[in-house]
Amino acid sequence: LESHKADVRMVNWHDSGLPHASTIRLAKIATIDAELVDKPLGTLGRQDFLAVKKIMRTQMAFWL
């Protein structure tokens, strides 16, 4: 899989409850209605959250 500058490879994917190593693709964010969610896939740990936050600030700086 080709990496993008807005991709964040999860460091603590296993502790987050995910079955496989995962990458957060900030260039492909989508939303769905909460009623369509049967159960969460996992949670985002602090270290991974901070990495996502840093990339989002960089990628969306042009909006500010």
PDB file of N, CA and C in Angstrom:
ATOM      1  N   LEU A   1       0.821  -1.177   0.000  1.00  0.00           N
ATOM      2  CA  LEU A   1       0.000   0.000   0.000  1.00  0.00           C
ATOM      3  C   LEU A   1       0.871   1.249   0.000  1.00  0.00           C
ATOM      4  N   GLU A   2       0.579   2.161  -0.891  1.00  0.00           N
ATOM      5  CA  GLU A   2       1.353   3.392  -0.997  1.00  0.00           C
ATOM      6  C   GLU A   2       1.040   4.305   0.186  1.00  0.00           C
ATOM      7  N   SER A   3       2.075   4.869   0.765  1.00  0.00           N
ATOM      8  CA  SER A   3       1.909   5.760   1.906  1.00  0.00           C
ATOM      9  C   SER A   3       1.677   7.186   1.429  1.00  0.00           C
ATOM     10  N   HIS A   4       0.888   7.915   2.160  1.00  0.00           N
ATOM     11  CA  HIS A   4       0.566   9.307   1.863  1.00  0.00           C
ATOM     12  C   HIS A   4       1.074  10.158   3.011  1.00  0.00           C
ATOM     13  N   LYS A   5       1.381  11.430   2.758  1.00  0.00           N
ATOM     14  CA  LYS A   5       1.917  12.284   3.817  1.00  0.00           C
ATOM     15  C   LYS A   5       0.918  12.512   4.952  1.00  0.00           C
ATOM     16  N   ALA A   6      -0.360  12.217   4.718  1.00  0.00           N
ATOM     17  CA  ALA A   6      -1.362  12.358   5.767  1.00  0.00           C
ATOM     18  C   ALA A   6      -1.714  11.019   6.415  1.00  0.00           C
ATOM     19  N   ASP A   7      -0.917   9.981   6.175  1.00  0.00           N
ATOM     20  CA  ASP A   7      -1.135   8.683   6.813  1.00  0.00           C
ATOM     21  C   ASP A   7      -0.432   8.639   8.168  1.00  0.00           C
ATOM     22  N   VAL A   8      -1.073   8.005   9.120  1.00  0.00           N
ATOM     23  CA  VAL A   8      -0.471   7.808  10.442  1.00  0.00           C
ATOM     24  C   VAL A   8      -0.507   6.315  10.742  1.00  0.00           C
ATOM     25  N   ARG A   9       0.666   5.696  10.788  1.00  0.00           N
ATOM     26  CA  ARG A   9       0.737   4.277  11.162  1.00  0.00           C
ATOM     27  C   ARG A   9       0.541   4.181  12.671  1.00  0.00           C
ATOM     28  N   MET A  10      -0.428   3.409  13.082  1.00  0.00           N
ATOM     29  CA  MET A  10      -0.706   3.264  14.508  1.00  0.00           C
ATOM     30  C   MET A  10       0.422   2.494  15.186  1.00  0.00           C
ATOM     31  N   VAL A  11       0.891   3.024  16.300  1.00  0.00           N
ATOM     32  CA  VAL A  11       1.950   2.387  17.078  1.00  0.00           C
ATOM     33  C   VAL A  11       1.342   1.358  18.025  1.00  0.00           C
ATOM     34  N   ASN A  12       0.256   1.709  18.647  1.00  0.00           N
ATOM     35  CA  ASN A  12      -0.375   0.845  19.657  1.00  0.00           C
ATOM     36  C   ASN A  12      -1.661   0.209  19.138  1.00  0.00           C
ATOM     37  N   TRP A  13      -1.641  -0.282  17.909  1.00  0.00           N
ATOM     38  CA  TRP A  13      -2.844  -0.843  17.306  1.00  0.00           C
ATOM     39  C   TRP A  13      -3.371  -2.045  18.088  1.00  0.00           C
ATOM     40  N   HIS A  14      -2.486  -2.871  18.596  1.00  0.00           N
ATOM     41  CA  HIS A  14      -2.933  -4.064  19.325  1.00  0.00           C
ATOM     42  C   HIS A  14      -3.623  -3.673  20.637  1.00  0.00           C
ATOM     43  N   ASP A  15      -3.041  -2.721  21.360  1.00  0.00           N
ATOM     44  CA  ASP A  15      -3.638  -2.255  22.610  1.00  0.00           C
ATOM     45  C   ASP A  15      -4.961  -1.533  22.368  1.00  0.00           C
ATOM     46  N   SER A  16      -5.160  -1.060  21.147  1.00  0.00           N
ATOM     47  CA  SER A  16      -6.389  -0.349  20.794  1.00  0.00           C
ATOM     48  C   SER A  16      -7.536  -1.304  20.494  1.00  0.00           C
ATOM     49  N   GLY A  17      -7.239  -2.606  20.465  1.00  0.00           N
ATOM     50  CA  GLY A  17      -8.284  -3.600  20.221  1.00  0.00           C
ATOM     51  C   GLY A  17      -8.427  -3.982  18.754  1.00  0.00           C
ATOM     52  N   LEU A  18      -7.507  -3.535  17.913  1.00  0.00           N
ATOM     53  CA  LEU A  18      -7.576  -3.861  16.492  1.00  0.00           C
ATOM     54  C   LEU A  18      -6.883  -5.195  16.221  1.00  0.00           C
ATOM     55  N   PRO A  19      -7.394  -5.973  15.267  1.00  0.00           N
ATOM     56  CA  PRO A  19      -6.824  -7.294  15.010  1.00  0.00           C
ATOM     57  C   PRO A  19      -5.542  -7.281  14.188  1.00  0.00           C
ATOM     58  N   HIS A  20      -5.245  -6.168  13.514  1.00  0.00           N
ATOM     59  CA  HIS A  20      -4.078  -6.089  12.631  1.00  0.00           C
ATOM     60  C   HIS A  20      -3.427  -4.716  12.739  1.00  0.00           C
ATOM     61  N   ALA A  21      -2.156  -4.638  12.334  1.00  0.00           N
ATOM     62  CA  ALA A  21      -1.481  -3.343  12.253  1.00  0.00           C
ATOM     63  C   ALA A  21      -2.327  -2.444  11.356  1.00  0.00           C
ATOM     64  N   SER A  22      -2.472  -1.185  11.754  1.00  0.00           N
ATOM     65  CA  SER A  22      -3.393  -0.296  11.051  1.00  0.00           C
ATOM     66  C   SER A  22      -2.771   1.058  10.757  1.00  0.00           C
ATOM     67  N   THR A  23      -3.280   1.674   9.723  1.00  0.00           N
ATOM     68  CA  THR A  23      -2.875   3.015   9.331  1.00  0.00           C
ATOM     69  C   THR A  23      -4.116   3.890   9.278  1.00  0.00           C
ATOM     70  N   ILE A  24      -4.020   5.062   9.859  1.00  0.00           N
ATOM     71  CA  ILE A  24      -5.114   6.030   9.800  1.00  0.00           C
ATOM     72  C   ILE A  24      -4.861   6.896   8.573  1.00  0.00           C
ATOM     73  N   ARG A  25      -5.802   6.895   7.640  1.00  0.00           N
ATOM     74  CA  ARG A  25      -5.655   7.620   6.385  1.00  0.00           C
ATOM     75  C   ARG A  25      -6.454   8.911   6.469  1.00  0.00           C
ATOM     76  N   LEU A  26      -5.791   9.985   6.878  1.00  0.00           N
ATOM     77  CA  LEU A  26      -6.464  11.265   7.067  1.00  0.00           C
ATOM     78  C   LEU A  26      -6.914  11.890   5.759  1.00  0.00           C
ATOM     79  N   ALA A  27      -6.377  11.440   4.642  1.00  0.00           N
ATOM     80  CA  ALA A  27      -6.802  11.948   3.345  1.00  0.00           C
ATOM     81  C   ALA A  27      -8.107  11.304   2.892  1.00  0.00           C
ATOM     82  N   LYS A  28      -8.573  10.295   3.629  1.00  0.00           N
ATOM     83  CA  LYS A  28      -9.795   9.578   3.245  1.00  0.00           C
ATOM     84  C   LYS A  28     -10.755   9.456   4.431  1.00  0.00           C
ATOM     85  N   ILE A  29     -11.048  10.567   5.055  1.00  0.00           N
ATOM     86  CA  ILE A  29     -11.956  10.549   6.196  1.00  0.00           C
ATOM     87  C   ILE A  29     -13.398  10.513   5.695  1.00  0.00           C
ATOM     88  N   ALA A  30     -14.197   9.694   6.330  1.00  0.00           N
ATOM     89  CA  ALA A  30     -15.617   9.588   5.994  1.00  0.00           C
ATOM     90  C   ALA A  30     -16.418   9.488   7.280  1.00  0.00           C
ATOM     91  N   THR A  31     -17.670   9.803   7.201  1.00  0.00           N
ATOM     92  CA  THR A  31     -18.545   9.670   8.364  1.00  0.00           C
ATOM     93  C   THR A  31     -19.741   8.797   7.991  1.00  0.00           C
ATOM     94  N   ILE A  32     -20.295   8.157   9.008  1.00  0.00           N
ATOM     95  CA  ILE A  32     -21.535   7.403   8.827  1.00  0.00           C
ATOM     96  C   ILE A  32     -22.449   7.712  10.002  1.00  0.00           C
ATOM     97  N   ASP A  33     -23.706   7.477   9.821  1.00  0.00           N
ATOM     98  CA  ASP A  33     -24.690   7.700  10.874  1.00  0.00           C
ATOM     99  C   ASP A  33     -24.418   6.738  12.033  1.00  0.00           C
ATOM    100  N   ALA A  34     -24.464   7.237  13.244  1.00  0.00           N
ATOM    101  CA  ALA A  34     -24.174   6.423  14.432  1.00  0.00           C
ATOM    102  C   ALA A  34     -25.096   5.204  14.534  1.00  0.00           C
ATOM    103  N   GLU A  35     -26.301   5.297  14.007  1.00  0.00           N
ATOM    104  CA  GLU A  35     -27.236   4.169  14.059  1.00  0.00           C
ATOM    105  C   GLU A  35     -26.773   2.980  13.216  1.00  0.00           C
ATOM    106  N   LEU A  36     -25.843   3.212  12.301  1.00  0.00           N
ATOM    107  CA  LEU A  36     -25.337   2.135  11.449  1.00  0.00           C
ATOM    108  C   LEU A  36     -24.162   1.388  12.074  1.00  0.00           C
ATOM    109  N   VAL A  37     -23.675   1.863  13.203  1.00  0.00           N
ATOM    110  CA  VAL A  37     -22.528   1.244  13.868  1.00  0.00           C
ATOM    111  C   VAL A  37     -23.019   0.188  14.855  1.00  0.00           C
ATOM    112  N   ASP A  38     -22.635  -1.079  14.619  1.00  0.00           N
ATOM    113  CA  ASP A  38     -22.997  -2.167  15.521  1.00  0.00           C
ATOM    114  C   ASP A  38     -22.153  -2.122  16.790  1.00  0.00           C
ATOM    115  N   LYS A  39     -20.841  -1.929  16.595  1.00  0.00           N
ATOM    116  CA  LYS A  39     -19.917  -1.856  17.719  1.00  0.00           C
ATOM    117  C   LYS A  39     -18.642  -1.155  17.261  1.00  0.00           C
ATOM    118  N   PRO A  40     -17.929  -0.532  18.163  1.00  0.00           N
ATOM    119  CA  PRO A  40     -16.655   0.101  17.782  1.00  0.00           C
ATOM    120  C   PRO A  40     -15.627  -0.959  17.376  1.00  0.00           C
ATOM    121  N   LEU A  41     -14.757  -0.600  16.456  1.00  0.00           N
ATOM    122  CA  LEU A  41     -13.682  -1.522  16.049  1.00  0.00           C
ATOM    123  C   LEU A  41     -12.529  -1.492  17.031  1.00  0.00           C
ATOM    124  N   GLY A  42     -12.313  -0.342  17.651  1.00  0.00           N
ATOM    125  CA  GLY A  42     -11.210  -0.182  18.587  1.00  0.00           C
ATOM    126  C   GLY A  42     -11.210   1.238  19.125  1.00  0.00           C
ATOM    127  N   THR A  43     -10.198   1.562  19.876  1.00  0.00           N
ATOM    128  CA  THR A  43     -10.067   2.900  20.432  1.00  0.00           C
ATOM    129  C   THR A  43      -8.716   3.477  20.005  1.00  0.00           C
ATOM    130  N   LEU A  44      -8.598   4.771  20.093  1.00  0.00           N
ATOM    131  CA  LEU A  44      -7.353   5.429  19.707  1.00  0.00           C
ATOM    132  C   LEU A  44      -6.615   5.830  20.970  1.00  0.00           C
ATOM    133  N   GLY A  45      -5.446   5.214  21.187  1.00  0.00           N
ATOM    134  CA  GLY A  45      -4.640   5.517  22.361  1.00  0.00           C
ATOM    135  C   GLY A  45      -4.023   6.908  22.276  1.00  0.00           C
ATOM    136  N   ARG A  46      -3.521   7.383  23.388  1.00  0.00           N
ATOM    137  CA  ARG A  46      -2.991   8.747  23.470  1.00  0.00           C
ATOM    138  C   ARG A  46      -1.860   9.013  22.477  1.00  0.00           C
ATOM    139  N   GLN A  47      -0.892   8.107  22.381  1.00  0.00           N
ATOM    140  CA  GLN A  47       0.246   8.311  21.481  1.00  0.00           C
ATOM    141  C   GLN A  47      -0.214   8.420  20.031  1.00  0.00           C
ATOM    142  N   ASP A  48      -1.121   7.542  19.623  1.00  0.00           N
ATOM    143  CA  ASP A  48      -1.639   7.588  18.260  1.00  0.00           C
ATOM    144  C   ASP A  48      -2.518   8.820  18.048  1.00  0.00           C
ATOM    145  N   PHE A  49      -3.303   9.187  19.049  1.00  0.00           N
ATOM    146  CA  PHE A  49      -4.134  10.391  18.963  1.00  0.00           C
ATOM    147  C   PHE A  49      -3.271  11.627  18.739  1.00  0.00           C
ATOM    148  N   LEU A  50      -2.182  11.748  19.491  1.00  0.00           N
ATOM    149  CA  LEU A  50      -1.309  12.915  19.346  1.00  0.00           C
ATOM    150  C   LEU A  50      -0.658  12.951  17.957  1.00  0.00           C
ATOM    151  N   ALA A  51      -0.323  11.793  17.408  1.00  0.00           N
ATOM    152  CA  ALA A  51       0.242  11.737  16.056  1.00  0.00           C
ATOM    153  C   ALA A  51      -0.788  12.197  15.023  1.00  0.00           C
ATOM    154  N   VAL A  52      -2.032  11.752  15.186  1.00  0.00           N
ATOM    155  CA  VAL A  52      -3.113  12.170  14.286  1.00  0.00           C
ATOM    156  C   VAL A  52      -3.349  13.675  14.403  1.00  0.00           C
ATOM    157  N   LYS A  53      -3.390  14.163  15.613  1.00  0.00           N
ATOM    158  CA  LYS A  53      -3.614  15.592  15.868  1.00  0.00           C
ATOM    159  C   LYS A  53      -2.538  16.446  15.191  1.00  0.00           C
ATOM    160  N   LYS A  54      -1.285  16.020  15.285  1.00  0.00           N
ATOM    161  CA  LYS A  54      -0.169  16.758  14.686  1.00  0.00           C
ATOM    162  C   LYS A  54      -0.313  16.824  13.164  1.00  0.00           C
ATOM    163  N   ILE A  55      -0.606  15.699  12.537  1.00  0.00           N
ATOM    164  CA  ILE A  55      -0.767  15.657  11.080  1.00  0.00           C
ATOM    165  C   ILE A  55      -1.977  16.484  10.655  1.00  0.00           C
ATOM    166  N   MET A  56      -3.077  16.376  11.400  1.00  0.00           N
ATOM    167  CA  MET A  56      -4.276  17.149  11.046  1.00  0.00           C
ATOM    168  C   MET A  56      -3.999  18.648  11.110  1.00  0.00           C
ATOM    169  N   ARG A  57      -3.287  19.088  12.118  1.00  0.00           N
ATOM    170  CA  ARG A  57      -2.942  20.508  12.219  1.00  0.00           C
ATOM    171  C   ARG A  57      -2.116  20.949  11.009  1.00  0.00           C
ATOM    172  N   THR A  58      -1.170  20.117  10.611  1.00  0.00           N
ATOM    173  CA  THR A  58      -0.323  20.442   9.462  1.00  0.00           C
ATOM    174  C   THR A  58      -1.136  20.470   8.172  1.00  0.00           C
ATOM    175  N   GLN A  59      -1.962  19.443   7.969  1.00  0.00           N
ATOM    176  CA  GLN A  59      -2.728  19.320   6.736  1.00  0.00           C
ATOM    177  C   GLN A  59      -3.835  20.354   6.606  1.00  0.00           C
ATOM    178  N   MET A  60      -4.372  20.793   7.718  1.00  0.00           N
ATOM    179  CA  MET A  60      -5.507  21.723   7.680  1.00  0.00           C
ATOM    180  C   MET A  60      -5.147  23.150   8.044  1.00  0.00           C
ATOM    181  N   ALA A  61      -3.857  23.438   8.120  1.00  0.00           N
ATOM    182  CA  ALA A  61      -3.411  24.770   8.490  1.00  0.00           C
ATOM    183  C   ALA A  61      -3.905  25.839   7.517  1.00  0.00           C
ATOM    184  N   PHE A  62      -4.100  25.475   6.268  1.00  0.00           N
ATOM    185  CA  PHE A  62      -4.548  26.456   5.277  1.00  0.00           C
ATOM    186  C   PHE A  62      -5.960  26.968   5.544  1.00  0.00           C
ATOM    187  N   TRP A  63      -6.747  26.278   6.363  1.00  0.00           N
ATOM    188  CA  TRP A  63      -8.101  26.717   6.711  1.00  0.00           C
ATOM    189  C   TRP A  63      -8.097  27.803   7.771  1.00  0.00           C
ATOM    190  N   LEU A  64      -7.001  27.918   8.511  1.00  0.00           N
ATOM    191  CA  LEU A  64      -6.942  28.882   9.617  1.00  0.00           C
ATOM    192  C   LEU A  64      -6.451  30.223   9.152  1.00  0.00           C
TER     193      LEU A  64
END
